[in-house]
Amino acid sequence: MNETSTPKKLVRTKNDRMIAGVCGGIARYANVDPVIIRLAMVALVIFGGAGALIYLAGWIIIPEEETPAF
């Protein structure tokens, strides 16, 4: 079996973002709807505040999606 596909890469999205693209990038990587990830982050913020820290860490650690050079 010869696979030529590239491995998935976790990046912050540029076209599916509300603030910094963290939830959109995680959703694309996990192949789920971004709304689900956003709701999970909001729930984490409401129930303990961990969502804000996770989002901030993702904003710092996850690289931004590269724009293809034409």
N, C-alpha and C. Protein backbone atom coordinates (compact mmCIF):
# COMPACT_ATOMS: atom_id res chain seq x y z
N MET A 1 0.84 -1.18 0.00
CA MET A 1 0.00 0.00 0.00
C MET A 1 0.89 1.24 0.00
N ASN A 2 0.72 2.09 -0.97
CA ASN A 2 1.54 3.27 -1.12
C ASN A 2 0.72 4.52 -0.83
N GLU A 3 0.98 5.14 0.30
CA GLU A 3 0.26 6.36 0.67
C GLU A 3 1.15 7.56 0.42
N THR A 4 0.63 8.53 -0.29
CA THR A 4 1.38 9.74 -0.58
C THR A 4 0.81 10.96 0.13
N SER A 5 -0.18 10.74 1.00
CA SER A 5 -0.78 11.87 1.71
C SER A 5 0.16 12.36 2.81
N THR A 6 0.07 13.64 3.08
CA THR A 6 0.89 14.22 4.13
C THR A 6 0.19 14.04 5.47
N PRO A 7 0.94 13.91 6.55
CA PRO A 7 0.29 13.77 7.86
C PRO A 7 -0.42 15.05 8.25
N LYS A 8 -1.47 14.89 9.07
CA LYS A 8 -2.21 16.06 9.54
C LYS A 8 -1.31 16.90 10.44
N LYS A 9 -1.49 18.20 10.38
CA LYS A 9 -0.69 19.12 11.19
C LYS A 9 -1.64 20.04 11.95
N LEU A 10 -1.40 20.20 13.24
CA LEU A 10 -2.22 21.08 14.05
C LEU A 10 -1.75 22.51 13.89
N VAL A 11 -2.59 23.34 13.28
CA VAL A 11 -2.28 24.76 13.07
C VAL A 11 -3.52 25.59 13.39
N ARG A 12 -3.29 26.87 13.71
CA ARG A 12 -4.41 27.80 13.90
C ARG A 12 -4.89 28.23 12.52
N THR A 13 -6.19 28.14 12.27
CA THR A 13 -6.73 28.44 10.96
C THR A 13 -6.83 29.95 10.73
N LYS A 14 -6.76 30.32 9.47
CA LYS A 14 -6.94 31.73 9.11
C LYS A 14 -8.36 32.01 8.64
N ASN A 15 -9.02 31.02 8.04
CA ASN A 15 -10.34 31.26 7.48
C ASN A 15 -11.49 30.81 8.38
N ASP A 16 -11.20 30.05 9.43
CA ASP A 16 -12.25 29.58 10.34
C ASP A 16 -11.91 30.02 11.76
N ARG A 17 -11.88 31.34 11.96
CA ARG A 17 -11.49 31.85 13.27
C ARG A 17 -12.51 32.84 13.78
N MET A 18 -12.61 32.86 15.12
CA MET A 18 -13.41 33.86 15.80
C MET A 18 -12.47 34.87 16.45
N ILE A 19 -11.44 34.35 17.13
CA ILE A 19 -10.46 35.22 17.77
C ILE A 19 -9.08 34.95 17.17
N ALA A 20 -8.52 33.77 17.44
CA ALA A 20 -7.18 33.48 16.96
C ALA A 20 -7.09 32.20 16.13
N GLY A 21 -8.19 31.49 15.94
CA GLY A 21 -8.19 30.29 15.12
C GLY A 21 -7.83 29.02 15.84
N VAL A 22 -7.74 29.07 17.17
CA VAL A 22 -7.35 27.88 17.94
C VAL A 22 -8.43 26.81 17.84
N CYS A 23 -9.67 27.14 18.09
CA CYS A 23 -10.76 26.16 18.05
C CYS A 23 -10.95 25.62 16.63
N GLY A 24 -10.85 26.49 15.63
CA GLY A 24 -10.97 26.04 14.25
C GLY A 24 -9.86 25.08 13.86
N GLY A 25 -8.66 25.35 14.34
CA GLY A 25 -7.53 24.46 14.05
C GLY A 25 -7.67 23.11 14.73
N ILE A 26 -8.10 23.13 15.98
CA ILE A 26 -8.31 21.87 16.71
C ILE A 26 -9.42 21.07 16.05
N ALA A 27 -10.49 21.74 15.63
CA ALA A 27 -11.61 21.07 14.98
C ALA A 27 -11.18 20.45 13.65
N ARG A 28 -10.40 21.17 12.87
CA ARG A 28 -9.93 20.63 11.60
C ARG A 28 -9.03 19.42 11.84
N TYR A 29 -8.17 19.50 12.84
CA TYR A 29 -7.26 18.40 13.15
C TYR A 29 -8.04 17.16 13.62
N ALA A 30 -9.08 17.37 14.43
CA ALA A 30 -9.87 16.27 14.96
C ALA A 30 -11.02 15.86 14.02
N ASN A 31 -11.20 16.61 12.93
CA ASN A 31 -12.24 16.34 11.95
C ASN A 31 -13.64 16.38 12.58
N VAL A 32 -13.89 17.45 13.35
CA VAL A 32 -15.21 17.69 13.94
C VAL A 32 -15.64 19.12 13.63
N ASP A 33 -16.88 19.43 13.91
CA ASP A 33 -17.42 20.77 13.69
C ASP A 33 -16.78 21.75 14.68
N PRO A 34 -16.30 22.90 14.22
CA PRO A 34 -15.68 23.87 15.13
C PRO A 34 -16.61 24.35 16.23
N VAL A 35 -17.92 24.35 15.99
CA VAL A 35 -18.87 24.78 17.01
C VAL A 35 -18.78 23.89 18.25
N ILE A 36 -18.55 22.61 18.06
CA ILE A 36 -18.43 21.69 19.18
C ILE A 36 -17.22 22.05 20.04
N ILE A 37 -16.10 22.35 19.40
CA ILE A 37 -14.89 22.72 20.13
C ILE A 37 -15.11 24.05 20.85
N ARG A 38 -15.75 25.00 20.18
CA ARG A 38 -16.02 26.30 20.81
C ARG A 38 -16.93 26.16 22.03
N LEU A 39 -17.97 25.34 21.91
CA LEU A 39 -18.86 25.11 23.05
C LEU A 39 -18.13 24.43 24.21
N ALA A 40 -17.24 23.51 23.89
CA ALA A 40 -16.46 22.86 24.94
C ALA A 40 -15.56 23.87 25.65
N MET A 41 -14.96 24.79 24.90
CA MET A 41 -14.11 25.82 25.52
C MET A 41 -14.94 26.74 26.41
N VAL A 42 -16.12 27.12 25.95
CA VAL A 42 -16.99 27.98 26.75
C VAL A 42 -17.40 27.25 28.03
N ALA A 43 -17.72 25.97 27.91
CA ALA A 43 -18.09 25.20 29.10
C ALA A 43 -16.92 25.13 30.08
N LEU A 44 -15.71 24.96 29.56
CA LEU A 44 -14.54 24.92 30.44
C LEU A 44 -14.30 26.27 31.12
N VAL A 45 -14.60 27.36 30.44
CA VAL A 45 -14.46 28.69 31.04
C VAL A 45 -15.48 28.86 32.16
N ILE A 46 -16.71 28.47 31.89
CA ILE A 46 -17.78 28.64 32.88
C ILE A 46 -17.56 27.75 34.11
N PHE A 47 -17.15 26.52 33.88
CA PHE A 47 -16.98 25.56 34.98
C PHE A 47 -15.52 25.43 35.38
N GLY A 48 -14.95 26.50 35.89
CA GLY A 48 -13.61 26.42 36.46
C GLY A 48 -12.58 27.35 35.85
N GLY A 49 -12.80 27.83 34.65
CA GLY A 49 -11.86 28.77 34.06
C GLY A 49 -10.72 28.15 33.28
N ALA A 50 -10.66 26.83 33.18
CA ALA A 50 -9.55 26.19 32.49
C ALA A 50 -9.57 26.47 30.98
N GLY A 51 -10.74 26.71 30.42
CA GLY A 51 -10.85 26.96 28.98
C GLY A 51 -10.06 28.17 28.54
N ALA A 52 -10.07 29.23 29.35
CA ALA A 52 -9.31 30.43 29.00
C ALA A 52 -7.81 30.15 28.99
N LEU A 53 -7.35 29.38 29.95
CA LEU A 53 -5.92 29.04 29.99
C LEU A 53 -5.53 28.13 28.83
N ILE A 54 -6.39 27.17 28.51
CA ILE A 54 -6.12 26.27 27.39
C ILE A 54 -6.09 27.04 26.08
N TYR A 55 -7.04 27.98 25.91
CA TYR A 55 -7.09 28.77 24.69
C TYR A 55 -5.85 29.65 24.57
N LEU A 56 -5.47 30.28 25.66
CA LEU A 56 -4.28 31.13 25.65
C LEU A 56 -3.03 30.31 25.34
N ALA A 57 -2.91 29.14 25.93
CA ALA A 57 -1.76 28.27 25.65
C ALA A 57 -1.76 27.85 24.19
N GLY A 58 -2.93 27.51 23.64
CA GLY A 58 -3.02 27.15 22.23
C GLY A 58 -2.64 28.30 21.32
N TRP A 59 -3.04 29.51 21.68
CA TRP A 59 -2.72 30.70 20.91
C TRP A 59 -1.20 30.90 20.85
N ILE A 60 -0.53 30.62 21.94
CA ILE A 60 0.93 30.80 22.01
C ILE A 60 1.67 29.64 21.35
N ILE A 61 1.21 28.41 21.59
CA ILE A 61 1.98 27.22 21.19
C ILE A 61 1.68 26.77 19.76
N ILE A 62 0.42 26.78 19.35
CA ILE A 62 0.05 26.26 18.03
C ILE A 62 0.42 27.28 16.96
N PRO A 63 1.19 26.86 15.95
CA PRO A 63 1.59 27.81 14.90
C PRO A 63 0.42 28.18 14.00
N GLU A 64 0.50 29.36 13.40
CA GLU A 64 -0.55 29.82 12.50
C GLU A 64 -0.40 29.16 11.14
N GLU A 65 -1.51 28.92 10.50
CA GLU A 65 -1.53 28.31 9.17
C GLU A 65 -0.75 29.19 8.20
N GLU A 66 0.07 28.55 7.37
CA GLU A 66 0.85 29.31 6.40
C GLU A 66 0.02 29.61 5.17
N THR A 67 0.22 30.79 4.60
CA THR A 67 -0.45 31.16 3.38
C THR A 67 0.37 30.63 2.21
N PRO A 68 -0.27 29.91 1.28
CA PRO A 68 0.51 29.39 0.16
C PRO A 68 1.09 30.50 -0.70
N ALA A 69 2.33 30.34 -1.08
CA ALA A 69 3.00 31.32 -1.94
C ALA A 69 2.59 31.09 -3.40
N PHE A 70 2.19 32.14 -4.09
CA PHE A 70 1.77 32.01 -5.48
C PHE A 70 2.85 32.47 -6.40
